[in-house]
């Protein structure tokens, strides 16, 4: 887990994902345990989420990203931030 990042002035968040062997099969994003729609730019291997008005709560929030490769291996990353 990564914590205590202040995202008040940012309009979105991004993460680089990759799999050198079997390739990315699926990815899921969750903001405060609610599923969110992430866009994926395959050329630069970047997931992007643009914050919505409903996301701006001026409090600590949790982003969770789950990435699964074509062999079924799953990686889960969690980020705590203020927005």
N, C-alpha and C. Protein backbone atom coordinates (compact mmCIF):
# COMPACT_ATOMS: atom_id res chain seq x y z
N UNK A 1 0.84 -1.19 0.00
CA UNK A 1 0.00 0.00 0.00
C UNK A 1 0.88 1.24 0.00
N UNK A 2 0.47 2.19 -0.77
CA UNK A 2 1.13 3.50 -0.76
C UNK A 2 0.14 4.47 -0.14
N UNK A 3 0.62 5.37 0.73
CA UNK A 3 -0.32 6.24 1.43
C UNK A 3 0.10 7.70 1.47
N UNK A 4 -0.88 8.48 1.95
CA UNK A 4 -0.69 9.90 2.26
C UNK A 4 -0.26 10.75 1.07
N UNK A 5 -0.81 10.49 -0.07
CA UNK A 5 -0.57 11.33 -1.24
C UNK A 5 -1.72 12.32 -1.36
N UNK A 6 -1.39 13.58 -1.57
CA UNK A 6 -2.40 14.62 -1.70
C UNK A 6 -2.71 14.83 -3.18
N UNK A 7 -3.93 14.51 -3.58
CA UNK A 7 -4.35 14.61 -4.97
C UNK A 7 -5.38 15.71 -5.17
N UNK A 8 -5.45 16.67 -4.27
CA UNK A 8 -6.46 17.73 -4.34
C UNK A 8 -6.40 18.47 -5.68
N UNK A 9 -5.21 18.77 -6.16
CA UNK A 9 -5.10 19.58 -7.38
C UNK A 9 -5.09 18.76 -8.67
N UNK A 10 -5.15 17.44 -8.59
CA UNK A 10 -5.09 16.60 -9.78
C UNK A 10 -6.48 16.24 -10.29
N UNK A 11 -6.60 16.12 -11.62
CA UNK A 11 -7.89 15.79 -12.23
C UNK A 11 -8.03 14.29 -12.48
N UNK A 12 -6.97 13.53 -12.27
CA UNK A 12 -7.03 12.09 -12.51
C UNK A 12 -5.83 11.39 -11.91
N UNK A 13 -5.77 10.11 -12.16
CA UNK A 13 -4.69 9.28 -11.64
C UNK A 13 -4.36 8.25 -12.70
N UNK A 14 -3.09 7.85 -12.78
CA UNK A 14 -2.70 6.86 -13.77
C UNK A 14 -1.71 5.87 -13.17
N UNK A 15 -1.60 4.71 -13.82
CA UNK A 15 -0.68 3.67 -13.38
C UNK A 15 -0.18 2.93 -14.62
N UNK A 16 1.07 2.57 -14.61
CA UNK A 16 1.66 1.78 -15.68
C UNK A 16 1.51 0.31 -15.31
N UNK A 17 1.02 -0.52 -16.25
CA UNK A 17 0.90 -1.96 -16.02
C UNK A 17 1.60 -2.68 -17.17
N UNK A 18 2.12 -3.85 -16.88
CA UNK A 18 2.76 -4.63 -17.95
C UNK A 18 2.85 -6.09 -17.55
N UNK A 19 3.01 -6.93 -18.56
CA UNK A 19 3.29 -8.35 -18.38
C UNK A 19 4.15 -8.76 -19.56
N UNK A 20 5.35 -9.17 -19.29
CA UNK A 20 6.31 -9.47 -20.35
C UNK A 20 6.12 -10.83 -21.00
N UNK A 21 5.32 -11.69 -20.40
CA UNK A 21 5.20 -13.05 -20.93
C UNK A 21 3.86 -13.31 -21.61
N UNK A 22 2.83 -13.55 -20.84
CA UNK A 22 1.55 -13.96 -21.44
C UNK A 22 0.66 -12.79 -21.85
N UNK A 23 0.92 -11.59 -21.33
CA UNK A 23 0.11 -10.42 -21.67
C UNK A 23 -1.00 -10.17 -20.67
N UNK A 24 -1.51 -8.95 -20.70
CA UNK A 24 -2.59 -8.54 -19.80
C UNK A 24 -3.91 -9.15 -20.29
N UNK A 25 -4.61 -9.82 -19.40
CA UNK A 25 -5.91 -10.40 -19.73
C UNK A 25 -7.04 -9.46 -19.34
N UNK A 26 -6.99 -8.95 -18.11
CA UNK A 26 -8.03 -8.01 -17.66
C UNK A 26 -7.48 -7.13 -16.55
N UNK A 27 -8.17 -6.02 -16.34
CA UNK A 27 -7.83 -5.10 -15.26
C UNK A 27 -9.13 -4.54 -14.70
N UNK A 28 -9.11 -4.26 -13.41
CA UNK A 28 -10.28 -3.70 -12.72
C UNK A 28 -9.80 -2.61 -11.79
N UNK A 29 -10.61 -1.57 -11.65
CA UNK A 29 -10.32 -0.50 -10.72
C UNK A 29 -11.45 -0.30 -9.74
N UNK A 30 -11.09 0.07 -8.52
CA UNK A 30 -12.07 0.33 -7.47
C UNK A 30 -11.66 1.60 -6.73
N UNK A 31 -12.60 2.49 -6.53
CA UNK A 31 -12.38 3.69 -5.72
C UNK A 31 -13.29 3.58 -4.52
N UNK A 32 -12.69 3.50 -3.35
CA UNK A 32 -13.45 3.31 -2.11
C UNK A 32 -14.40 2.12 -2.21
N UNK A 33 -13.87 1.03 -2.75
CA UNK A 33 -14.57 -0.25 -2.90
C UNK A 33 -15.71 -0.24 -3.91
N UNK A 34 -15.85 0.82 -4.70
CA UNK A 34 -16.83 0.86 -5.78
C UNK A 34 -16.09 0.74 -7.10
N UNK A 35 -16.60 -0.12 -8.00
CA UNK A 35 -15.92 -0.33 -9.27
C UNK A 35 -15.93 0.97 -10.09
N UNK A 36 -14.82 1.23 -10.77
CA UNK A 36 -14.70 2.41 -11.62
C UNK A 36 -14.25 1.96 -13.01
N UNK A 37 -14.47 2.81 -13.99
CA UNK A 37 -14.06 2.53 -15.36
C UNK A 37 -12.71 3.17 -15.63
N UNK A 38 -11.74 2.32 -15.90
CA UNK A 38 -10.40 2.78 -16.24
C UNK A 38 -10.22 2.71 -17.75
N UNK A 39 -9.52 3.68 -18.32
CA UNK A 39 -9.16 3.58 -19.74
C UNK A 39 -7.74 3.05 -19.80
N UNK A 40 -7.43 2.32 -20.88
CA UNK A 40 -6.11 1.70 -21.01
C UNK A 40 -5.51 2.05 -22.36
N UNK A 41 -4.33 2.66 -22.32
CA UNK A 41 -3.58 2.97 -23.53
C UNK A 41 -2.51 1.88 -23.68
N UNK A 42 -2.76 0.94 -24.58
CA UNK A 42 -1.88 -0.22 -24.72
C UNK A 42 -0.48 0.16 -25.20
N UNK A 43 -0.38 1.22 -26.01
CA UNK A 43 0.94 1.63 -26.52
C UNK A 43 1.91 1.99 -25.40
N UNK A 44 1.41 2.72 -24.41
CA UNK A 44 2.27 3.16 -23.30
C UNK A 44 1.98 2.38 -22.01
N UNK A 45 1.10 1.37 -22.11
CA UNK A 45 0.76 0.48 -20.99
C UNK A 45 0.25 1.24 -19.77
N UNK A 46 -0.57 2.26 -20.01
CA UNK A 46 -1.03 3.12 -18.93
C UNK A 46 -2.54 3.02 -18.71
N UNK A 47 -2.92 2.79 -17.45
CA UNK A 47 -4.32 2.87 -17.02
C UNK A 47 -4.57 4.29 -16.54
N UNK A 48 -5.72 4.85 -16.89
CA UNK A 48 -6.05 6.22 -16.49
C UNK A 48 -7.47 6.27 -15.94
N UNK A 49 -7.63 7.03 -14.88
CA UNK A 49 -8.97 7.32 -14.34
C UNK A 49 -9.06 8.83 -14.12
N UNK A 50 -10.08 9.43 -14.70
CA UNK A 50 -10.35 10.86 -14.50
C UNK A 50 -11.37 10.98 -13.38
N UNK A 51 -11.03 11.75 -12.36
CA UNK A 51 -11.93 11.93 -11.23
C UNK A 51 -13.25 12.57 -11.69
N UNK A 52 -14.33 12.10 -11.10
CA UNK A 52 -15.66 12.63 -11.35
C UNK A 52 -16.02 13.57 -10.20
N UNK A 53 -17.03 14.41 -10.40
CA UNK A 53 -17.45 15.32 -9.32
C UNK A 53 -17.80 14.56 -8.05
N UNK A 54 -18.43 13.40 -8.21
CA UNK A 54 -18.84 12.62 -7.04
C UNK A 54 -17.65 12.07 -6.25
N UNK A 55 -16.46 12.05 -6.88
CA UNK A 55 -15.26 11.53 -6.22
C UNK A 55 -14.60 12.54 -5.29
N UNK A 56 -14.93 13.80 -5.45
CA UNK A 56 -14.26 14.85 -4.67
C UNK A 56 -14.97 15.02 -3.34
N UNK A 57 -14.37 14.45 -2.31
CA UNK A 57 -14.99 14.40 -0.98
C UNK A 57 -14.16 15.10 0.08
N UNK A 58 -12.94 15.58 -0.29
CA UNK A 58 -12.03 16.20 0.67
C UNK A 58 -11.79 15.30 1.88
N UNK A 59 -11.40 14.06 1.57
CA UNK A 59 -11.10 13.10 2.62
C UNK A 59 -10.13 12.05 2.07
N UNK A 60 -9.67 11.17 2.94
CA UNK A 60 -8.81 10.07 2.51
C UNK A 60 -9.63 9.09 1.67
N UNK A 61 -9.02 8.62 0.59
CA UNK A 61 -9.70 7.70 -0.31
C UNK A 61 -8.76 6.55 -0.66
N UNK A 62 -9.34 5.45 -1.16
CA UNK A 62 -8.55 4.27 -1.50
C UNK A 62 -8.82 3.87 -2.94
N UNK A 63 -7.75 3.75 -3.71
CA UNK A 63 -7.81 3.24 -5.07
C UNK A 63 -7.20 1.85 -5.07
N UNK A 64 -7.91 0.89 -5.65
CA UNK A 64 -7.38 -0.47 -5.78
C UNK A 64 -7.41 -0.84 -7.25
N UNK A 65 -6.27 -1.38 -7.74
CA UNK A 65 -6.17 -1.83 -9.12
C UNK A 65 -5.79 -3.30 -9.11
N UNK A 66 -6.61 -4.11 -9.81
CA UNK A 66 -6.35 -5.54 -9.95
C UNK A 66 -6.01 -5.80 -11.41
N UNK A 67 -4.86 -6.43 -11.66
CA UNK A 67 -4.45 -6.77 -13.02
C UNK A 67 -4.20 -8.27 -13.08
N UNK A 68 -4.80 -8.94 -14.08
CA UNK A 68 -4.65 -10.38 -14.26
C UNK A 68 -4.03 -10.63 -15.63
N UNK A 69 -3.03 -11.53 -15.66
CA UNK A 69 -2.43 -11.85 -16.96
C UNK A 69 -3.15 -13.04 -17.59
N UNK A 70 -2.74 -13.39 -18.80
CA UNK A 70 -3.41 -14.46 -19.55
C UNK A 70 -3.24 -15.83 -18.91
N UNK A 71 -2.31 -15.99 -17.99
CA UNK A 71 -2.11 -17.26 -17.28
C UNK A 71 -2.88 -17.30 -15.96
N UNK A 72 -3.59 -16.23 -15.62
CA UNK A 72 -4.38 -16.20 -14.40
C UNK A 72 -3.67 -15.62 -13.19
N UNK A 73 -2.43 -15.17 -13.36
CA UNK A 73 -1.72 -14.54 -12.25
C UNK A 73 -2.31 -13.15 -12.00
N UNK A 74 -2.57 -12.83 -10.74
CA UNK A 74 -3.21 -11.56 -10.39
C UNK A 74 -2.30 -10.73 -9.49
N UNK A 75 -2.26 -9.44 -9.77
CA UNK A 75 -1.54 -8.49 -8.93
C UNK A 75 -2.55 -7.46 -8.45
N UNK A 76 -2.54 -7.18 -7.17
CA UNK A 76 -3.45 -6.18 -6.60
C UNK A 76 -2.61 -5.09 -5.94
N UNK A 77 -2.84 -3.84 -6.35
CA UNK A 77 -2.15 -2.70 -5.75
C UNK A 77 -3.19 -1.77 -5.15
N UNK A 78 -2.88 -1.24 -3.98
CA UNK A 78 -3.77 -0.29 -3.31
C UNK A 78 -3.02 1.00 -3.02
N UNK A 79 -3.71 2.11 -3.21
CA UNK A 79 -3.14 3.43 -3.01
C UNK A 79 -4.08 4.23 -2.14
N UNK A 80 -3.59 4.82 -1.08
CA UNK A 80 -4.37 5.70 -0.23
C UNK A 80 -3.97 7.13 -0.56
N UNK A 81 -4.95 8.01 -0.72
CA UNK A 81 -4.67 9.39 -1.09
C UNK A 81 -5.78 10.31 -0.58
N UNK A 82 -5.50 11.58 -0.58
CA UNK A 82 -6.47 12.60 -0.15
C UNK A 82 -7.01 13.30 -1.38
N UNK A 83 -8.32 13.37 -1.51
CA UNK A 83 -8.96 14.07 -2.63
C UNK A 83 -10.27 14.61 -2.16
